[in-house]
Protein backbone atom coordinates (compact mmCIF):
# COMPACT_ATOMS: atom_id res chain seq x y z
CA MET A 1 -162.59 82.62 93.28
CA GLY A 2 -161.88 78.59 94.41
CA SER A 3 -164.60 78.53 97.47
CA GLY A 4 -167.64 80.92 98.63
CA GLU A 5 -170.37 82.98 96.59
CA TRP A 6 -168.76 82.91 92.72
CA GLY A 7 -166.79 86.21 92.11
CA LYS A 8 -167.40 88.30 95.05
CA ASP A 9 -164.33 89.99 95.42
CA ALA A 10 -163.70 89.96 91.33
CA ILE A 11 -167.49 91.10 90.04
CA PRO A 12 -169.84 94.08 91.94
CA HIS A 13 -172.85 92.11 91.54
CA SER A 14 -175.36 94.87 89.50
CA PRO A 15 -179.14 94.57 89.88
CA LEU A 16 -179.74 95.04 86.40
CA PRO A 17 -178.07 92.20 84.26
CA ILE A 18 -180.50 92.42 81.73
CA PRO A 19 -179.51 93.33 78.56
CA TYR A 20 -180.23 97.00 76.63
CA SER A 21 -179.42 98.32 80.21
CA PRO A 22 -178.17 102.15 79.93
CA LEU A 23 -175.52 101.82 82.99
CA PRO A 24 -172.19 101.86 81.37
CA ALA A 25 -169.94 98.32 80.63
CA LEU A 26 -167.65 97.46 83.53
CA PHE A 27 -165.43 95.23 81.67
CA MET A 28 -163.22 94.33 79.34
CA ILE A 29 -163.85 91.28 76.67
CA THR A 30 -161.15 89.81 74.59
CA LEU A 31 -161.50 87.67 71.39
CA LEU A 32 -159.21 84.58 69.77
CA THR A 33 -161.03 82.60 66.93
CA ASP A 34 -160.46 80.95 63.65
CA PHE A 35 -162.71 83.38 61.81
CA GLY A 36 -159.95 85.69 59.51
CA LEU A 37 -160.74 88.61 59.28
CA SER A 38 -162.03 88.69 55.53
CA ASP A 39 -165.46 87.65 56.34
CA TYR A 40 -168.38 89.43 58.84
CA PHE A 41 -167.70 86.49 61.74
CA VAL A 42 -165.74 88.66 63.88
CA ALA A 43 -167.44 92.25 63.33
CA ALA A 44 -171.07 90.22 64.08
CA VAL A 45 -169.33 89.23 67.45
CA LYS A 46 -168.31 92.01 67.88
CA GLY A 47 -172.06 94.14 67.57
CA VAL A 48 -173.62 91.26 69.73
CA ILE A 49 -171.76 92.21 72.67
CA LEU A 50 -171.95 96.21 71.99
CA THR A 51 -175.86 95.90 72.06
CA ILE A 52 -176.51 93.85 75.21
CA SER A 53 -173.46 95.77 77.10
CA PRO A 54 -172.26 99.43 75.06
CA GLY A 55 -168.74 100.44 75.52
CA THR A 56 -167.49 96.99 77.20
CA GLN A 57 -163.74 97.71 75.69
CA ILE A 58 -163.37 94.42 72.85
CA VAL A 59 -159.38 93.52 72.63
CA ASP A 60 -158.60 90.97 69.81
CA ILE A 61 -156.41 88.44 70.78
CA THR A 62 -156.11 87.36 67.14
CA HIS A 63 -158.28 85.71 64.32
CA ASN A 64 -155.72 84.15 62.85
CA VAL A 65 -155.06 80.90 64.68
CA ALA A 66 -155.18 77.96 61.66
CA ALA A 67 -158.48 76.82 61.04
CA GLN A 68 -159.85 73.89 63.74
CA ASP A 69 -156.31 74.09 65.27
CA LEU A 70 -157.36 73.88 69.37
CA GLN A 71 -153.51 73.02 70.51
CA SER A 72 -151.97 76.73 69.08
CA ALA A 73 -155.55 78.34 70.45
CA ALA A 74 -154.74 76.83 73.91
CA PHE A 75 -151.40 77.49 73.85
CA ILE A 76 -151.77 81.62 72.88
CA LEU A 77 -154.50 81.86 75.09
CA GLY A 78 -152.34 80.53 78.01
CA ALA A 79 -149.77 83.22 77.02
CA CYS A 80 -151.32 85.72 77.32
CA TYR A 81 -154.38 85.71 79.52
CA GLN A 82 -152.54 87.07 82.62
CA ASN A 83 -151.30 89.76 80.80
CA PHE A 84 -154.52 91.46 81.30
CA PRO A 85 -156.81 93.44 84.38
CA VAL A 86 -158.24 91.06 86.85
CA GLY A 87 -161.86 90.18 85.47
CA THR A 88 -161.47 90.32 81.95
CA ILE A 89 -164.00 88.35 80.50
CA HIS A 90 -161.59 85.94 77.46
CA VAL A 91 -164.00 84.43 74.49
CA ALA A 92 -161.94 81.55 72.65
CA VAL A 93 -163.87 80.18 69.83
CA VAL A 94 -161.71 77.95 67.83
CA ASP A 95 -164.60 75.29 67.36
CA PRO A 96 -165.24 72.33 65.05
CA GLY A 97 -167.76 70.25 66.90
CA VAL A 98 -170.10 73.90 66.94
CA GLY A 99 -173.87 72.52 66.42
CA SER A 100 -172.82 69.10 68.16
CA SER A 101 -173.16 67.64 71.55
CA ARG A 102 -170.56 69.12 72.89
CA ARG A 103 -171.44 71.88 75.86
CA ALA A 104 -170.87 75.44 75.50
CA ILE A 105 -169.19 77.09 78.95
CA VAL A 106 -167.90 79.69 80.73
CA ALA A 107 -164.77 78.59 83.21
CA GLY A 108 -163.96 80.99 86.30
CA ALA A 109 -159.77 80.95 87.01
CA GLY A 110 -157.04 82.93 88.26
CA GLY A 111 -160.00 85.97 88.18
CA HIS A 112 -160.85 85.51 85.15
CA PHE A 113 -163.57 84.22 83.09
CA PHE A 114 -163.52 82.44 79.79
CA VAL A 115 -166.07 81.69 77.38
CA GLY A 116 -165.96 79.31 74.88
CA PRO A 117 -166.55 75.35 73.79
CA ASP A 118 -166.02 72.11 76.07
CA ASN A 119 -163.30 71.06 73.90
CA GLY A 120 -160.18 72.17 75.77
CA ILE A 121 -159.30 75.02 74.82
CA PHE A 122 -158.66 76.56 78.04
CA SER A 123 -156.80 73.66 79.00
CA PHE A 124 -153.45 75.42 79.43
CA VAL A 125 -155.43 78.05 82.05
CA TYR A 126 -156.55 74.72 83.69
CA ALA A 127 -152.73 73.54 84.01
CA ARG A 128 -151.27 77.06 85.86
CA GLU A 129 -154.96 77.69 87.36
CA THR A 130 -156.27 75.99 90.70
CA ASP A 131 -159.37 77.75 91.57
CA VAL A 132 -161.08 76.59 88.46
CA ARG A 133 -164.60 76.64 88.17
CA VAL A 134 -166.65 75.71 85.15
CA PHE A 135 -170.09 76.27 84.33
CA HIS A 136 -172.37 74.20 81.11
CA LEU A 137 -174.35 77.10 79.62
CA THR A 138 -177.56 75.89 79.85
CA ARG A 139 -179.93 78.60 80.27
CA ASP A 140 -180.87 80.08 76.66
CA ARG A 141 -182.84 83.02 77.57
CA TYR A 142 -178.91 84.66 78.01
CA PHE A 143 -178.03 83.35 74.37
CA ARG A 144 -178.98 85.24 70.82
CA ASN A 145 -182.48 84.25 69.56
CA PRO A 146 -182.59 82.26 67.13
CA VAL A 147 -179.27 80.01 67.97
CA SER A 148 -177.34 78.84 64.73
CA GLN A 149 -176.09 75.51 64.55
CA THR A 150 -173.27 76.77 62.88
CA PHE A 151 -172.75 80.60 64.54
CA HIS A 152 -172.38 79.84 68.40
CA GLY A 153 -169.57 82.59 68.92
CA ARG A 154 -172.04 84.85 67.94
CA ASP A 155 -175.12 83.57 69.06
CA VAL A 156 -174.33 81.66 72.72
CA PHE A 157 -170.58 83.34 73.22
CA ALA A 158 -171.03 86.40 72.62
CA PRO A 159 -174.23 87.36 74.42
CA VAL A 160 -172.85 85.15 77.65
CA ALA A 161 -169.81 87.34 77.16
CA ALA A 162 -171.44 90.49 77.30
CA HIS A 163 -174.02 89.39 80.38
CA LEU A 164 -170.89 88.80 82.01
CA ALA A 165 -169.84 92.23 81.25
CA ARG A 166 -173.10 93.59 82.92
CA SER A 167 -172.16 91.85 85.98
CA LEU A 168 -174.07 88.38 85.66
CA LYS A 169 -173.22 85.78 87.90
CA PRO A 170 -171.96 82.34 85.47
CA GLU A 171 -174.25 80.12 88.53
CA GLU A 172 -177.26 83.13 87.00
CA ILE A 173 -176.37 81.14 83.10
CA GLY A 174 -175.89 77.70 83.86
CA GLU A 175 -174.85 74.67 86.18
CA GLU A 176 -171.62 73.59 87.71
CA ILE A 177 -169.50 70.84 86.00
CA GLY A 178 -166.73 68.82 86.89
CA ASP A 179 -165.72 66.80 83.93
CA TYR A 180 -164.82 69.50 81.74
CA VAL A 181 -162.30 69.08 78.85
CA ARG A 182 -159.03 69.00 78.88
CA PHE A 183 -156.36 67.29 76.98
CA GLU A 184 -153.32 66.85 78.65
CA ILE A 185 -150.57 69.08 77.74
CA PRO A 186 -147.15 67.40 77.22
CA ARG A 187 -144.47 66.87 79.74
CA PRO A 188 -140.59 66.06 79.42
CA ARG A 189 -139.62 62.79 80.05
CA LEU A 190 -135.97 61.34 81.38
CA VAL A 191 -135.17 59.04 79.24
CA GLU A 192 -132.88 56.02 80.83
CA PRO A 193 -130.22 54.50 80.34
CA GLN A 194 -129.02 57.48 77.89
CA GLY A 195 -129.56 60.19 81.10
CA VAL A 196 -131.37 62.36 77.98
CA ILE A 197 -134.89 64.32 78.38
CA GLU A 198 -137.39 64.10 75.37
CA GLY A 199 -139.99 67.01 74.76
CA ARG A 200 -141.71 68.24 72.35
CA ILE A 201 -142.87 71.25 69.79
CA ILE A 202 -145.87 72.01 71.44
CA HIS A 203 -146.18 75.80 69.19
CA ILE A 204 -144.41 77.60 66.40
CA ASP A 205 -145.21 81.14 66.68
CA HIS A 206 -145.92 83.80 63.02
CA PHE A 207 -141.98 83.88 63.43
CA GLY A 208 -140.90 80.64 62.52
CA ASN A 209 -139.94 80.44 66.19
CA CYS A 210 -140.25 76.71 68.03
CA VAL A 211 -142.14 77.03 70.91
CA THR A 212 -140.90 73.85 73.78
CA ASN A 213 -142.48 72.25 76.43
CA PHE A 214 -139.13 73.00 78.23
CA THR A 215 -139.58 75.36 80.81
CA GLU A 216 -136.77 77.23 82.67
CA ALA A 217 -137.66 74.64 85.14
CA ASP A 218 -136.84 71.59 83.08
CA LEU A 219 -132.75 73.67 82.29
CA LYS A 220 -132.18 76.09 84.39
CA PRO A 221 -130.15 79.26 82.49
CA ASP A 222 -127.18 78.96 85.01
CA GLY A 223 -127.03 75.21 84.57
CA ILE A 224 -126.08 75.48 80.98
CA MET A 225 -122.72 73.56 80.15
CA PRO A 226 -120.36 73.22 77.09
CA SER A 227 -121.02 70.04 76.42
CA THR A 228 -125.51 70.84 77.01
CA ARG A 229 -127.72 70.35 73.88
CA PHE A 230 -130.70 70.30 72.43
CA TYR A 231 -131.27 67.80 69.65
CA PHE A 232 -133.74 68.78 66.30
CA GLY A 233 -134.57 67.68 63.11
CA GLY A 234 -131.59 66.30 62.54
CA ARG A 235 -129.01 68.52 63.86
CA GLU A 236 -127.10 69.31 67.33
CA ILE A 237 -128.34 73.29 68.64
CA ARG A 238 -125.63 74.08 71.27
CA GLN A 239 -125.68 77.69 71.08
CA PHE A 240 -128.09 79.06 73.68
CA GLY A 241 -128.79 82.80 74.52
CA THR A 242 -131.07 85.38 75.60
CA PHE A 243 -131.91 87.67 72.73
CA PHE A 244 -132.13 86.85 68.92
CA ALA A 245 -129.53 88.86 67.72
CA GLY A 246 -126.66 87.51 70.71
CA ALA A 247 -126.69 84.56 68.35
CA MET A 248 -123.17 83.66 67.98
CA ASN A 249 -123.54 81.59 64.87
CA ARG A 250 -126.49 83.60 62.88
CA ALA A 251 -126.49 80.80 60.15
CA ASP A 252 -127.39 78.08 62.59
CA LEU A 253 -130.44 77.79 65.45
CA PHE A 254 -129.67 78.60 68.68
CA ALA A 255 -132.24 78.11 71.80
CA TYR A 256 -133.17 80.62 74.29
CA PRO A 257 -135.92 80.93 76.86
CA GLY A 258 -139.11 82.30 75.44
CA SER A 259 -141.37 85.01 76.57
CA ALA A 260 -143.93 82.60 77.52
CA GLY A 261 -142.26 80.98 79.93
CA PHE A 262 -140.88 78.18 77.46
CA TRP A 263 -137.67 77.24 75.81
CA GLU A 264 -137.74 77.54 72.48
CA ILE A 265 -135.65 77.33 69.11
CA ALA A 266 -134.78 80.26 66.70
CA LEU A 267 -132.94 81.23 63.53
CA TRP A 268 -131.76 84.71 63.76
CA CYS A 269 -133.22 86.73 61.57
CA GLY A 270 -134.92 83.49 59.81
CA SER A 271 -137.68 80.82 60.74
CA ALA A 272 -136.77 78.27 62.48
CA ALA A 273 -140.08 75.88 61.48
CA LYS A 274 -139.08 76.31 57.80
CA PHE A 275 -135.36 75.76 58.03
CA ILE A 276 -135.99 72.47 59.48
CA ASN A 277 -139.74 71.82 58.10
CA ALA A 278 -140.79 71.59 61.86
CA ARG A 279 -144.01 70.57 62.97
CA CYS A 280 -146.17 70.58 66.26
CA GLY A 281 -145.83 67.70 67.53
CA ASP A 282 -142.18 67.25 66.67
CA GLU A 283 -139.66 65.55 69.19
CA ILE A 284 -136.99 67.34 70.56
CA THR A 285 -134.44 65.85 72.85
CA LEU A 286 -132.45 67.78 75.65
CA ASP A 287 -129.17 66.57 76.59
CA CYS A 288 -128.05 68.29 80.08
CA GLY A 289 -124.65 67.75 79.51
CA LEU A 290 -122.51 67.14 83.02
CA ARG A 291 -124.73 68.70 85.60
CA ILE A 292 -127.99 66.60 84.92
CA ALA A 293 -128.88 67.15 88.50
CA ASP A 294 -129.44 71.28 86.61
CA CYS A 295 -132.48 69.93 84.44
CA GLY A 296 -135.53 69.93 86.78
CA LEU A 297 -136.80 66.34 85.81
């Protein structure tokens, strides 16, 4: 998708991209928002999609992102989008700038489409994929009319996603741009002369596990020495494992390589975050021990 005709290999183009076609829907749409489940917002978004593209399969990633928490939304989407089939359309709406001059976009990367605000919510996708193309949504004939200045999830992003599911191409909805917004995903850094590596907590999940920005390339599981340590929240973490019940000292923190590809800090049957009052952005330090070469920095 990085060159040539957009979507040529990923999406067969239909000559009937206009809504209310009797043809069956072709693709899957996922939803990720901070809307919660106690209001009408999620239902309204789904209703617009199904009106334009009846039969579309809609999958909820989550609607329980904390209000306006872009970093968490970006991480969650980045952790799971590759588990969906090629051609999936991902609608992600955590949008504190709704109604302002921030742009609405559709991005294509890795064989997937991403629809949402141009505020960095797709940053983990941009960092992972090399074939990114981004379009500013400018053709309002594909929006719901009228467009509410407070609910672009329903009036802009949902109808655009539905039109994409009807095989409309992104370049038919907007203009390609190169200055799309992305925030920097922090990388661990070597601290001299101590020889330790400084990282950050980038996400805290529902269980209270603290996801670090250390990948398995930064700390190889088979390179852990008896002297390898994480230092976090005023504690020394010397337990390393591969599964929760494998913690030798179940009353203390341990580190393990998580399913999203990052090292995580956990507490068996408890919340590591509550245990040490951790927050996203907190510093965590790694001392690789004697084999500093086994750290990937």
